């Protein structure tokens, strides 16, 4: 479960060193937008060394340059075939399933040459413009390596013409949530192919409450996690995308009551307090319990007052 995905510019060895001690679920070393063209080669070399270890079992990813650039294939070679290896490649600006197919084929070649099991390296595809969003269902089905779809709000806002300069915030003059349609399309595509759905960054890194509002909205919709750009955002992301003890306790109670109803009483529905629960309730509760278990909750020990 990737609640917090920390972006680290691979051009900065100091930031890489600092990131090793932070509590993010995933750390990705950025070779793309966070790195100037003149610094690409050095950043690539830094990333190749950094993926080698010392991350405490967390998911280690590298965001390579997009498939249409002259840097992308060398990025992949550097961080997959060396002494260390990235767990995941984050592919930005995906506008077609062809981009994912290209990366899948390249990874297979690199893995074979390096003596690695073919398929061991995962892919996260970043959806950042209307073309990518229009093709998101095909993108989600493009490779068995895919682990997550990621929303890229800044490029999406620019390409769609959204009238705001506040990435992750809401533009003045629009009463609804300007990101809702894009997020829901990404979520549906992800869930239809058993992928995680990850929201993009909130760029006002010192505005933790603004970040929290953005994260709460994405979590309520059903997203699994969110990119973080600053250590101050990590705790908020980890909290928001995990169930509360009360939610977890309620979900455990639903599963127990439904199991009793179906196995002992031979009934398909039963009352739990003021609420009727059935198979749909079981599925919802099971999803909450799975999220809680993934972050270390234990039935019977993590309790609260069910809401």
Protein backbone atom coordinates (compact mmCIF):
# COMPACT_ATOMS: atom_id res chain seq x y z
CA UNK A 1 0.00 0.00 0.00
CA UNK A 2 1.56 3.28 -1.12
CA UNK A 3 0.01 6.01 0.99
CA UNK A 4 2.91 8.45 0.68
CA UNK A 5 5.16 8.49 -2.40
CA UNK A 6 8.09 10.83 -1.80
CA UNK A 7 9.63 12.61 -4.79
CA UNK A 8 13.38 13.21 -4.49
CA UNK A 9 15.39 15.10 -7.14
CA UNK A 10 18.11 12.66 -8.17
CA UNK A 11 20.40 15.61 -8.92
CA UNK A 12 20.78 16.22 -5.16
CA UNK A 13 22.83 13.69 -3.21
CA UNK A 14 21.93 15.58 -0.02
CA UNK A 15 18.19 15.12 -0.60
CA UNK A 16 18.72 11.44 -1.44
CA UNK A 17 20.60 10.90 1.81
CA UNK A 18 17.90 12.69 3.81
CA UNK A 19 15.13 10.66 2.17
CA UNK A 20 16.57 7.39 3.52
CA UNK A 21 15.41 8.30 7.02
CA UNK A 22 11.89 9.44 6.17
CA UNK A 23 8.70 7.44 6.74
CA UNK A 24 7.35 7.43 3.20
CA UNK A 25 5.97 4.15 1.86
CA UNK A 26 7.67 4.71 -1.49
CA UNK A 27 10.62 6.88 -2.46
CA UNK A 28 11.09 7.74 -6.09
CA UNK A 29 14.21 9.37 -7.44
CA UNK A 30 13.20 11.90 -10.07
CA UNK A 31 15.18 12.15 -13.30
CA UNK A 32 12.48 14.10 -15.13
CA UNK A 33 10.95 17.50 -14.30
CA UNK A 34 12.99 18.04 -11.14
CA UNK A 35 16.27 17.82 -13.08
CA UNK A 36 17.58 20.42 -15.54
CA UNK A 37 18.71 19.11 -18.96
CA UNK A 38 22.33 19.95 -18.14
CA UNK A 39 22.14 17.83 -14.96
CA UNK A 40 20.47 14.74 -16.44
CA UNK A 41 23.61 12.60 -16.72
CA UNK A 42 24.81 13.30 -13.19
CA UNK A 43 21.32 12.70 -11.80
CA UNK A 44 21.17 9.38 -13.65
CA UNK A 45 24.52 8.36 -12.13
CA UNK A 46 23.31 9.38 -8.65
CA UNK A 47 20.14 7.33 -9.05
CA UNK A 48 22.06 4.26 -10.26
CA UNK A 49 24.10 4.33 -7.04
CA UNK A 50 21.21 5.22 -4.74
CA UNK A 51 18.93 2.33 -5.72
CA UNK A 52 21.56 -0.07 -4.40
CA UNK A 53 20.24 -0.34 -0.87
CA UNK A 54 19.68 1.25 2.51
CA UNK A 55 15.96 1.96 2.06
CA UNK A 56 14.61 -0.17 4.89
CA UNK A 57 12.42 -2.39 2.75
CA UNK A 58 10.45 0.47 1.22
CA UNK A 59 9.50 0.55 -2.45
CA UNK A 60 12.30 2.31 -4.36
CA UNK A 61 11.30 3.76 -7.71
CA UNK A 62 12.87 5.97 -10.34
CA UNK A 63 10.90 8.39 -12.47
CA UNK A 64 12.69 8.27 -15.80
CA UNK A 65 12.29 10.81 -18.57
CA UNK A 66 9.31 10.26 -20.82
CA UNK A 67 9.39 7.76 -23.67
CA UNK A 68 9.60 10.43 -26.37
CA UNK A 69 12.88 11.91 -25.07
CA UNK A 70 16.45 10.92 -25.85
CA UNK A 71 17.17 10.21 -22.19
CA UNK A 72 14.58 7.57 -21.31
CA UNK A 73 16.24 4.36 -22.49
CA UNK A 74 19.57 5.23 -20.85
CA UNK A 75 17.73 6.05 -17.63
CA UNK A 76 16.21 2.57 -17.60
CA UNK A 77 19.50 0.85 -18.33
CA UNK A 78 21.26 2.71 -15.52
CA UNK A 79 18.78 1.97 -12.73
CA UNK A 80 17.83 -1.63 -13.60
CA UNK A 81 21.00 -3.33 -14.85
CA UNK A 82 23.60 -2.09 -12.33
CA UNK A 83 24.70 -3.38 -8.95
CA UNK A 84 21.48 -1.97 -7.49
CA UNK A 85 18.04 -2.14 -9.00
CA UNK A 86 14.91 -0.02 -8.83
CA UNK A 87 11.78 -1.87 -7.76
CA UNK A 88 9.61 0.26 -10.01
CA UNK A 89 9.99 2.57 -13.01
CA UNK A 90 7.65 5.57 -12.99
CA UNK A 91 6.93 6.49 -16.61
CA UNK A 92 5.74 10.10 -16.99
CA UNK A 93 3.58 11.70 -19.65
CA UNK A 94 2.02 8.47 -20.82
CA UNK A 95 -0.36 9.32 -23.67
CA UNK A 96 -0.69 5.89 -25.29
CA UNK A 97 -0.47 2.23 -24.28
CA UNK A 98 2.44 2.07 -26.75
CA UNK A 99 4.59 3.92 -24.22
CA UNK A 100 3.98 1.25 -21.60
CA UNK A 101 4.53 -1.57 -24.12
CA UNK A 102 7.87 0.02 -25.09
CA UNK A 103 8.98 0.15 -21.46
CA UNK A 104 7.80 -3.41 -20.82
CA UNK A 105 9.85 -4.72 -23.74
CA UNK A 106 12.92 -2.71 -22.76
CA UNK A 107 12.74 -3.89 -19.16
CA UNK A 108 12.51 -7.50 -20.32
CA UNK A 109 15.65 -7.10 -22.42
CA UNK A 110 17.53 -5.42 -19.58
CA UNK A 111 16.43 -8.01 -17.04
CA UNK A 112 17.53 -10.91 -19.24
CA UNK A 113 20.91 -9.33 -19.86
CA UNK A 114 21.37 -8.68 -16.13
CA UNK A 115 20.34 -12.21 -15.17
CA UNK A 116 17.20 -11.03 -13.39
CA UNK A 117 13.81 -12.75 -13.46
CA UNK A 118 11.81 -11.27 -16.32
CA UNK A 119 8.97 -9.19 -14.94
CA UNK A 120 10.59 -8.37 -11.60
CA UNK A 121 10.56 -4.61 -12.28
CA UNK A 122 7.21 -2.88 -11.91
CA UNK A 123 5.79 0.09 -13.80
CA UNK A 124 3.75 3.08 -12.64
CA UNK A 125 2.16 5.06 -15.47
CA UNK A 126 1.62 8.78 -14.98
CA UNK A 127 -1.44 10.30 -16.67
CA UNK A 128 -0.73 13.97 -17.29
CA UNK A 129 -2.78 15.29 -20.22
CA UNK A 130 -6.11 14.82 -22.02
CA UNK A 131 -4.62 12.32 -24.48
CA UNK A 132 -3.45 10.09 -21.66
CA UNK A 133 -6.76 10.42 -19.84
CA UNK A 134 -8.71 9.55 -23.00
CA UNK A 135 -6.59 6.39 -23.39
CA UNK A 136 -6.37 5.49 -19.71
CA UNK A 137 -8.33 2.23 -19.96
CA UNK A 138 -6.02 0.92 -22.69
CA UNK A 139 -2.98 2.17 -20.77
CA UNK A 140 -4.10 0.29 -17.64
CA UNK A 141 -4.27 -2.94 -19.67
CA UNK A 142 -0.97 -2.47 -21.51
CA UNK A 143 1.36 -4.55 -19.32
CA UNK A 144 1.23 -7.08 -16.48
CA UNK A 145 4.07 -5.08 -14.91
CA UNK A 146 1.76 -2.17 -14.16
CA UNK A 147 1.28 -1.59 -10.45
CA UNK A 148 -0.28 1.87 -10.33
CA UNK A 149 -1.75 4.76 -12.29
CA UNK A 150 -0.62 8.19 -11.12
CA UNK A 151 -2.34 11.52 -11.77
CA UNK A 152 -0.07 14.39 -12.83
CA UNK A 153 -2.02 17.57 -12.04
CA UNK A 154 0.43 20.27 -13.16
CA UNK A 155 0.87 19.11 -16.75
CA UNK A 156 -2.80 18.17 -16.89
CA UNK A 157 -3.85 21.66 -15.84
CA UNK A 158 -1.58 23.23 -18.45
CA UNK A 159 -2.65 20.96 -21.29
CA UNK A 160 -6.37 21.13 -20.46
CA UNK A 161 -6.34 24.91 -20.05
CA UNK A 162 -7.47 24.97 -16.40
CA UNK A 163 -7.23 28.59 -15.29
CA UNK A 164 -5.11 28.32 -12.17
CA UNK A 165 -1.47 28.50 -11.19
CA UNK A 166 -2.01 26.64 -7.91
CA UNK A 167 -1.17 22.99 -8.56
CA UNK A 168 -3.37 20.76 -6.45
CA UNK A 169 -5.67 23.63 -5.50
CA UNK A 170 -9.01 24.66 -6.97
CA UNK A 171 -9.28 27.49 -9.54
CA UNK A 172 -11.34 30.55 -8.69
CA UNK A 173 -14.74 30.69 -10.37
CA UNK A 174 -15.48 26.95 -10.47
CA UNK A 175 -17.90 25.67 -7.84
CA UNK A 176 -17.03 21.98 -8.09
CA UNK A 177 -13.86 19.90 -7.86
CA UNK A 178 -11.93 20.58 -11.06
CA UNK A 179 -10.01 17.30 -10.74
CA UNK A 180 -12.98 15.02 -10.09
CA UNK A 181 -13.53 13.79 -13.65
CA UNK A 182 -9.85 13.00 -14.25
CA UNK A 183 -9.41 11.33 -10.87
CA UNK A 184 -12.53 9.20 -11.28
CA UNK A 185 -11.53 8.03 -14.76
CA UNK A 186 -8.09 7.08 -13.47
CA UNK A 187 -9.59 5.33 -10.45
CA UNK A 188 -12.04 3.28 -12.53
CA UNK A 189 -9.31 2.26 -14.98
CA UNK A 190 -7.00 1.30 -12.11
CA UNK A 191 -9.59 -0.75 -10.26
CA UNK A 192 -10.73 -2.54 -13.41
CA UNK A 193 -7.18 -3.90 -13.76
CA UNK A 194 -6.38 -4.37 -10.05
CA UNK A 195 -3.95 -1.44 -9.93
CA UNK A 196 -3.33 1.17 -7.26
CA UNK A 197 -4.48 4.73 -7.92
CA UNK A 198 -2.14 7.48 -6.72
CA UNK A 199 -2.95 11.20 -6.64
CA UNK A 200 -0.33 13.72 -7.70
CA UNK A 201 1.46 16.40 -5.67
CA UNK A 202 0.31 19.52 -3.87
CA UNK A 203 2.99 22.08 -4.65
CA UNK A 204 2.55 24.49 -1.72
CA UNK A 205 4.85 22.35 0.39
CA UNK A 206 4.61 24.46 3.55
CA UNK A 207 0.80 24.48 3.47
CA UNK A 208 0.23 21.17 5.22
CA UNK A 209 -3.46 21.86 5.81
CA UNK A 210 -3.95 22.57 2.11
CA UNK A 211 -2.17 19.31 1.34
CA UNK A 212 -4.37 17.52 3.86
CA UNK A 213 -7.56 18.87 2.24
CA UNK A 214 -6.39 17.67 -1.16
CA UNK A 215 -5.42 14.26 0.24
CA UNK A 216 -8.71 13.84 2.13
CA UNK A 217 -10.64 14.49 -1.08
CA UNK A 218 -8.63 11.91 -3.05
CA UNK A 219 -8.87 9.35 -0.22
CA UNK A 220 -12.63 9.82 0.03
CA UNK A 221 -12.90 9.11 -3.69
CA UNK A 222 -11.01 5.84 -3.21
CA UNK A 223 -7.39 6.63 -4.08
CA UNK A 224 -4.69 4.64 -2.34
CA UNK A 225 -2.09 7.37 -1.81
CA UNK A 226 -0.57 10.66 -2.90
CA UNK A 227 2.78 12.06 -3.97
CA UNK A 228 4.59 14.10 -1.34
CA UNK A 229 7.24 16.70 -2.07
CA UNK A 230 8.33 17.64 1.44
CA UNK A 231 8.89 15.75 4.72
CA UNK A 232 6.11 17.78 6.37
CA UNK A 233 3.55 16.20 4.02
CA UNK A 234 4.45 12.57 4.77
CA UNK A 235 2.72 12.21 8.12
CA UNK A 236 -0.48 13.76 6.78
CA UNK A 237 -0.52 11.41 3.77
CA UNK A 238 0.14 8.32 5.87
CA UNK A 239 -2.67 9.30 8.25
CA UNK A 240 -5.23 10.28 5.62
CA UNK A 241 -4.85 7.18 3.43
CA UNK A 242 -4.99 4.71 6.31
CA UNK A 243 -8.31 3.84 7.96
CA UNK A 244 -8.88 5.31 11.39
CA UNK A 245 -9.01 2.89 14.34
CA UNK A 246 -12.77 3.48 14.50
CA UNK A 247 -13.23 2.66 10.81
CA UNK A 248 -11.07 -0.43 11.16
CA UNK A 249 -12.96 -1.59 14.26
CA UNK A 250 -16.30 -1.10 12.52
CA UNK A 251 -15.11 -3.04 9.47
CA UNK A 252 -13.90 -5.94 11.62
CA UNK A 253 -17.29 -6.00 13.36
CA UNK A 254 -19.11 -6.08 10.02
CA UNK A 255 -17.04 -9.03 8.83
CA UNK A 256 -17.65 -10.93 12.07
CA UNK A 257 -21.40 -10.25 12.03
CA UNK A 258 -21.76 -11.22 8.39
CA UNK A 259 -19.76 -14.40 8.87
CA UNK A 260 -22.02 -15.34 11.80
CA UNK A 261 -25.14 -14.61 9.74
CA UNK A 262 -24.11 -16.63 6.71
CA UNK A 263 -22.39 -19.62 8.32
CA UNK A 264 -24.42 -20.11 11.50
CA UNK A 265 -27.79 -18.54 10.77
CA UNK A 266 -27.84 -19.27 7.01
CA UNK A 267 -28.96 -15.72 6.32
CA UNK A 268 -27.72 -13.40 3.57
CA UNK A 269 -28.42 -10.18 5.47
CA UNK A 270 -28.42 -9.21 9.14
CA UNK A 271 -28.81 -6.10 11.29
CA UNK A 272 -25.71 -4.67 12.94
CA UNK A 273 -26.89 -1.92 15.24
CA UNK A 274 -29.09 0.37 13.11
CA UNK A 275 -27.68 -0.87 9.79
CA UNK A 276 -28.55 -3.80 7.59
CA UNK A 277 -25.43 -5.51 6.25
CA UNK A 278 -25.14 -7.94 3.35
CA UNK A 279 -22.57 -9.18 0.82
CA UNK A 280 -21.92 -5.66 -0.48
CA UNK A 281 -21.25 -4.54 3.10
CA UNK A 282 -18.81 -7.42 3.50
CA UNK A 283 -16.88 -6.36 0.41
CA UNK A 284 -16.63 -2.77 1.63
CA UNK A 285 -15.52 -3.87 5.09
CA UNK A 286 -12.98 -6.31 3.67
CA UNK A 287 -11.36 -3.47 1.70
CA UNK A 288 -11.04 -1.36 4.86
CA UNK A 289 -9.59 -4.26 6.85
CA UNK A 290 -7.09 -4.98 4.08
CA UNK A 291 -5.91 -1.36 4.11
CA UNK A 292 -5.64 -1.43 7.87
CA UNK A 293 -3.72 -4.70 7.90
CA UNK A 294 -1.33 -3.30 5.29
CA UNK A 295 -0.33 -0.50 7.67
CA UNK A 296 0.00 -2.75 10.70
CA UNK A 297 -3.44 -2.83 12.32
CA UNK A 298 -4.29 -6.08 14.12
CA UNK A 299 -7.90 -7.23 14.69
CA UNK A 300 -8.75 -6.97 18.36
CA UNK A 301 -5.87 -4.61 19.13
CA UNK A 302 -6.62 -1.55 16.98
CA UNK A 303 -10.00 -0.50 18.26
CA UNK A 304 -11.96 2.68 18.50
CA UNK A 305 -15.54 3.73 18.78
CA UNK A 306 -17.19 2.70 15.53
CA UNK A 307 -18.87 5.58 13.76
